[in-house]
Amino acid sequence: MISKRVRTGIVAVLLAWPMVLSAQLSSRSVELSIGMNSYLGDFIKRSGNWWNPTSELGKLNVGVGYHFYLDDRTAFNAHVHIGSIEGSYGFESDMDPGVYNEVPGLNDYFKSSFQAVETTLNYTLAQWNIADWYAGVGIGFLFYDIEDEEGRNLRLLESSRLPNETYETQTVYMPLKTGFIFFQDAELSLIYEMSWNVLNTDYIDNIGKLGNNENDMIFRQSLVVRYHF
């Protein structure tokens, strides 16, 4: 498990290096965001949910970030996010119901609060009078811990997994983003953004080998206010 000191170092590096790079640039801005996180994992049917991941109720996400342009189309972002997710087993899940006979203690619900820090490289794909359209990719670190419906910490509940399955409370992830920037030339810009955060773990829901053997994801829709200075 990553210690608090190492975790602090990761956050500091991911947030500090874009600011160092942008020290001589004039096109800099800060951002505040509010949005919803939707869970994409073993509890839900994966087919079709890449583009329409709305089968689980969205949970609140707030963020603060720093942004600067390298040129007219290319930009760096650094963000800190605080949010939560939840998921529950349903009849449309790709999981075999028989796994609950195999592991009687297996959870059928989870909830988690998390903290995340990420940096992304964005590229403007199109520029119109009303808005700019961009896409981006990056790297992030997610720190989390999950509970079941009774509030029990699932990381500590070994009976909820197969023997020898391990559970970590942090993971690397890859954010894939696209969005629209309105009022780009104004002091305050408004942004609508969608991001698919591909986690380097299959255990955000505590379901690993008994599930679909695909890494979990968190889909986020956000409204962002950007202040240029």
Protein backbone atom coordinates (compact mmCIF):
# COMPACT_ATOMS: atom_id res chain seq x y z
CA MET A 1 0.00 0.00 0.00
CA ILE A 2 1.29 3.47 -0.87
CA SER A 3 2.25 5.47 2.22
CA LYS A 4 0.84 8.93 2.89
CA ARG A 5 4.26 10.49 2.17
CA VAL A 6 4.53 8.78 -1.23
CA ARG A 7 0.93 9.70 -2.04
CA THR A 8 1.65 13.34 -1.23
CA GLY A 9 4.72 13.22 -3.48
CA ILE A 10 2.72 11.84 -6.42
CA VAL A 11 0.11 14.58 -6.06
CA ALA A 12 2.77 17.29 -5.78
CA VAL A 13 4.67 16.14 -8.90
CA LEU A 14 1.55 15.84 -11.07
CA LEU A 15 0.35 19.30 -10.05
CA ALA A 16 3.69 21.13 -10.00
CA TRP A 17 5.29 20.22 -13.31
CA PRO A 18 2.64 21.89 -15.54
CA MET A 19 3.02 25.09 -13.52
CA VAL A 20 6.78 25.02 -13.98
CA LEU A 21 6.39 24.49 -17.73
CA SER A 22 3.92 27.34 -18.03
CA ALA A 23 5.87 29.90 -16.00
CA GLN A 24 6.79 31.92 -19.10
CA LEU A 25 3.44 31.61 -20.84
CA SER A 26 0.66 34.21 -20.79
CA SER A 27 -2.23 31.87 -21.70
CA ARG A 28 -2.88 30.37 -18.29
CA SER A 29 -6.07 29.69 -16.39
CA VAL A 30 -7.59 28.01 -13.36
CA GLU A 31 -10.67 25.80 -13.42
CA LEU A 32 -13.47 24.76 -11.10
CA SER A 33 -15.68 21.82 -12.03
CA ILE A 34 -18.76 19.99 -10.82
CA GLY A 35 -20.03 16.78 -12.32
CA MET A 36 -21.30 13.23 -11.95
CA ASN A 37 -19.40 9.95 -11.84
CA SER A 38 -20.94 6.76 -13.27
CA TYR A 39 -19.55 3.33 -12.57
CA LEU A 40 -18.63 0.93 -15.40
CA GLY A 41 -17.68 -2.50 -14.11
CA ASP A 42 -18.60 -6.08 -13.37
CA PHE A 43 -22.04 -5.32 -11.90
CA ILE A 44 -23.46 -3.90 -15.13
CA LYS A 45 -23.73 -5.03 -18.73
CA ARG A 46 -20.71 -3.68 -20.58
CA SER A 47 -22.11 -3.88 -24.11
CA GLY A 48 -23.10 -0.40 -25.28
CA ASN A 49 -22.17 1.30 -22.03
CA TRP A 50 -18.93 2.76 -23.44
CA TRP A 51 -21.03 5.35 -25.23
CA ASN A 52 -24.06 5.39 -22.96
CA PRO A 53 -22.82 4.64 -19.43
CA THR A 54 -25.96 5.64 -17.56
CA SER A 55 -27.11 2.36 -16.03
CA GLU A 56 -25.79 3.39 -12.61
CA LEU A 57 -26.90 6.57 -10.88
CA GLY A 58 -24.30 9.31 -11.14
CA LYS A 59 -22.56 10.46 -7.97
CA LEU A 60 -21.15 13.90 -7.23
CA ASN A 61 -17.67 14.95 -8.34
CA VAL A 62 -15.94 18.29 -7.73
CA GLY A 63 -12.57 19.37 -9.04
CA VAL A 64 -10.05 22.17 -9.27
CA GLY A 65 -7.43 22.50 -11.97
CA TYR A 66 -4.75 24.45 -13.77
CA HIS A 67 -4.62 24.87 -17.55
CA PHE A 68 -2.29 26.42 -20.10
CA TYR A 69 -1.85 26.41 -23.87
CA LEU A 70 1.38 25.39 -25.56
CA ASP A 71 0.12 26.72 -28.90
CA ASP A 72 -3.22 27.58 -30.54
CA ARG A 73 -4.47 23.98 -30.32
CA THR A 74 -2.42 22.08 -27.73
CA ALA A 75 -2.92 22.47 -23.97
CA PHE A 76 -1.87 20.87 -20.67
CA ASN A 77 -4.19 20.34 -17.72
CA ALA A 78 -3.58 19.33 -14.11
CA HIS A 79 -6.58 18.50 -11.92
CA VAL A 80 -7.51 17.27 -8.46
CA HIS A 81 -10.87 15.49 -8.14
CA ILE A 82 -12.89 14.49 -5.09
CA GLY A 83 -15.91 12.30 -5.69
CA SER A 84 -17.76 9.08 -5.13
CA ILE A 85 -19.21 6.14 -7.05
CA GLU A 86 -21.54 3.26 -6.35
CA GLY A 87 -22.76 0.14 -8.11
CA SER A 88 -25.02 -2.85 -7.54
CA TYR A 89 -25.56 -6.25 -9.12
CA GLY A 90 -28.46 -6.45 -11.54
CA PHE A 91 -30.10 -8.92 -13.89
CA GLU A 92 -28.40 -7.23 -16.87
CA SER A 93 -24.95 -7.87 -15.44
CA ASP A 94 -22.50 -9.97 -17.42
CA MET A 95 -21.68 -11.87 -14.21
CA ASP A 96 -22.82 -15.46 -13.76
CA PRO A 97 -25.31 -15.56 -10.83
CA GLY A 98 -23.71 -18.84 -9.80
CA VAL A 99 -20.68 -17.02 -8.42
CA TYR A 100 -22.75 -16.11 -5.35
CA ASN A 101 -23.01 -19.83 -4.55
CA GLU A 102 -19.26 -20.20 -5.05
CA VAL A 103 -18.43 -17.30 -2.72
CA PRO A 104 -21.36 -16.72 -0.32
CA GLY A 105 -19.73 -13.60 1.12
CA LEU A 106 -19.41 -11.90 -2.27
CA ASN A 107 -20.81 -8.36 -2.22
CA ASP A 108 -23.65 -7.36 -4.55
CA TYR A 109 -23.27 -3.62 -3.84
CA PHE A 110 -20.44 -1.20 -3.24
CA LYS A 111 -19.91 2.48 -2.63
CA SER A 112 -16.68 4.42 -2.54
CA SER A 113 -15.40 7.91 -2.03
CA PHE A 114 -12.16 8.72 -3.80
CA GLN A 115 -9.50 11.34 -4.44
CA ALA A 116 -7.73 11.60 -7.79
CA VAL A 117 -4.99 13.69 -9.35
CA GLU A 118 -4.36 13.73 -13.10
CA THR A 119 -2.60 15.53 -15.93
CA THR A 120 -3.79 15.50 -19.53
CA LEU A 121 -2.70 16.73 -22.94
CA ASN A 122 -5.61 18.22 -24.87
CA TYR A 123 -5.80 18.99 -28.57
CA THR A 124 -8.38 21.24 -30.25
CA LEU A 125 -10.01 19.29 -33.08
CA ALA A 126 -12.24 22.04 -34.43
CA GLN A 127 -12.83 25.75 -33.81
CA TRP A 128 -16.16 27.41 -34.48
CA ASN A 129 -17.64 30.80 -33.61
CA ILE A 130 -19.79 29.31 -30.87
CA ALA A 131 -17.38 26.76 -29.37
CA ASP A 132 -14.12 24.80 -29.66
CA TRP A 133 -14.13 21.00 -29.69
CA TYR A 134 -11.21 19.18 -28.08
CA ALA A 135 -10.03 15.71 -27.08
CA GLY A 136 -7.39 14.66 -24.60
CA VAL A 137 -5.50 11.80 -22.98
CA GLY A 138 -3.39 11.64 -19.86
CA ILE A 139 -2.39 9.80 -16.71
CA GLY A 140 -3.79 9.91 -13.20
CA PHE A 141 -3.69 8.31 -9.76
CA LEU A 142 -6.87 7.29 -7.92
CA PHE A 143 -7.01 6.66 -4.17
CA TYR A 144 -10.11 4.85 -2.90
CA ASP A 145 -11.60 2.50 -0.32
CA ILE A 146 -14.95 0.77 -0.69
CA GLU A 147 -17.77 -0.35 1.57
CA ASP A 148 -20.72 -2.70 1.19
CA GLU A 149 -24.36 -1.89 1.91
CA GLU A 150 -23.79 -2.42 5.64
CA GLY A 151 -20.84 -0.03 5.74
CA ARG A 152 -18.19 -2.75 6.08
CA ASN A 153 -14.76 -2.10 4.56
CA LEU A 154 -14.56 -4.62 1.70
CA ARG A 155 -10.77 -4.48 1.52
CA LEU A 156 -10.66 -6.03 4.99
CA LEU A 157 -13.45 -8.53 4.26
CA GLU A 158 -11.47 -11.41 2.74
CA SER A 159 -14.53 -13.67 2.68
CA SER A 160 -15.94 -11.45 -0.09
CA ARG A 161 -13.26 -12.60 -2.59
CA LEU A 162 -11.60 -15.77 -3.82
CA PRO A 163 -8.63 -17.01 -1.77
CA ASN A 164 -5.35 -15.25 -2.66
CA GLU A 165 -7.12 -12.34 -4.37
CA THR A 166 -5.51 -9.10 -3.21
CA TYR A 167 -7.13 -5.69 -2.96
CA GLU A 168 -5.31 -2.36 -3.22
CA THR A 169 -6.61 1.09 -2.37
CA GLN A 170 -4.92 3.00 -5.19
CA THR A 171 -4.50 2.62 -8.92
CA VAL A 172 -3.14 4.34 -11.99
CA TYR A 173 -5.71 5.32 -14.59
CA MET A 174 -5.85 6.79 -18.09
CA PRO A 175 -8.33 9.63 -18.64
CA LEU A 176 -9.76 9.87 -22.17
CA LYS A 177 -11.62 13.16 -22.65
CA THR A 178 -13.64 15.13 -25.09
CA GLY A 179 -15.50 18.39 -24.62
CA PHE A 180 -16.68 21.76 -25.87
CA ILE A 181 -15.35 25.15 -24.76
CA PHE A 182 -17.78 28.07 -24.94
CA PHE A 183 -16.74 31.75 -24.76
CA GLN A 184 -13.12 30.81 -25.42
CA ASP A 185 -11.97 34.39 -25.88
CA ALA A 186 -13.70 35.74 -22.78
CA GLU A 187 -12.18 36.08 -19.33
CA LEU A 188 -14.52 33.33 -18.13
CA SER A 189 -15.10 30.25 -20.30
CA LEU A 190 -17.71 27.51 -19.83
CA ILE A 191 -16.83 23.90 -20.68
CA TYR A 192 -18.88 20.73 -21.01
CA GLU A 193 -16.62 17.68 -20.73
CA MET A 194 -16.99 13.90 -20.83
CA SER A 195 -14.19 11.65 -19.63
CA TRP A 196 -13.74 7.88 -19.64
CA ASN A 197 -11.28 7.05 -16.86
CA VAL A 198 -9.83 3.61 -17.62
CA LEU A 199 -8.58 2.15 -14.34
CA ASN A 200 -5.60 -0.18 -14.07
CA THR A 201 -7.63 -2.44 -11.79
CA ASP A 202 -10.65 -4.73 -11.90
CA TYR A 203 -11.32 -4.31 -8.18
CA ILE A 204 -12.98 -0.91 -7.82
CA ASP A 205 -16.15 -2.94 -7.11
CA ASN A 206 -14.32 -5.74 -5.22
CA ILE A 207 -15.14 -8.12 -8.11
CA GLY A 208 -12.10 -9.50 -9.90
CA LYS A 209 -11.72 -13.06 -11.22
CA LEU A 210 -15.40 -13.78 -10.66
CA GLY A 211 -16.42 -10.97 -13.03
CA ASN A 212 -15.86 -10.16 -16.68
CA ASN A 213 -12.03 -9.90 -16.50
CA GLU A 214 -12.07 -6.37 -17.90
CA ASN A 215 -10.69 -3.37 -16.06
CA ASP A 216 -13.26 -1.10 -14.47
CA MET A 217 -13.93 2.47 -15.59
CA ILE A 218 -15.41 5.66 -14.18
CA PHE A 219 -17.35 7.81 -16.63
CA ARG A 220 -17.60 11.49 -15.70
CA GLN A 221 -19.67 14.35 -17.09
CA SER A 222 -18.61 17.78 -15.90
CA LEU A 223 -19.41 21.46 -16.20
CA VAL A 224 -16.22 23.50 -15.88
CA VAL A 225 -15.73 27.23 -15.34
CA ARG A 226 -12.31 28.43 -16.56
CA TYR A 227 -10.84 31.78 -15.49
CA HIS A 228 -8.06 33.17 -17.69
CA PHE A 229 -5.31 35.26 -16.10
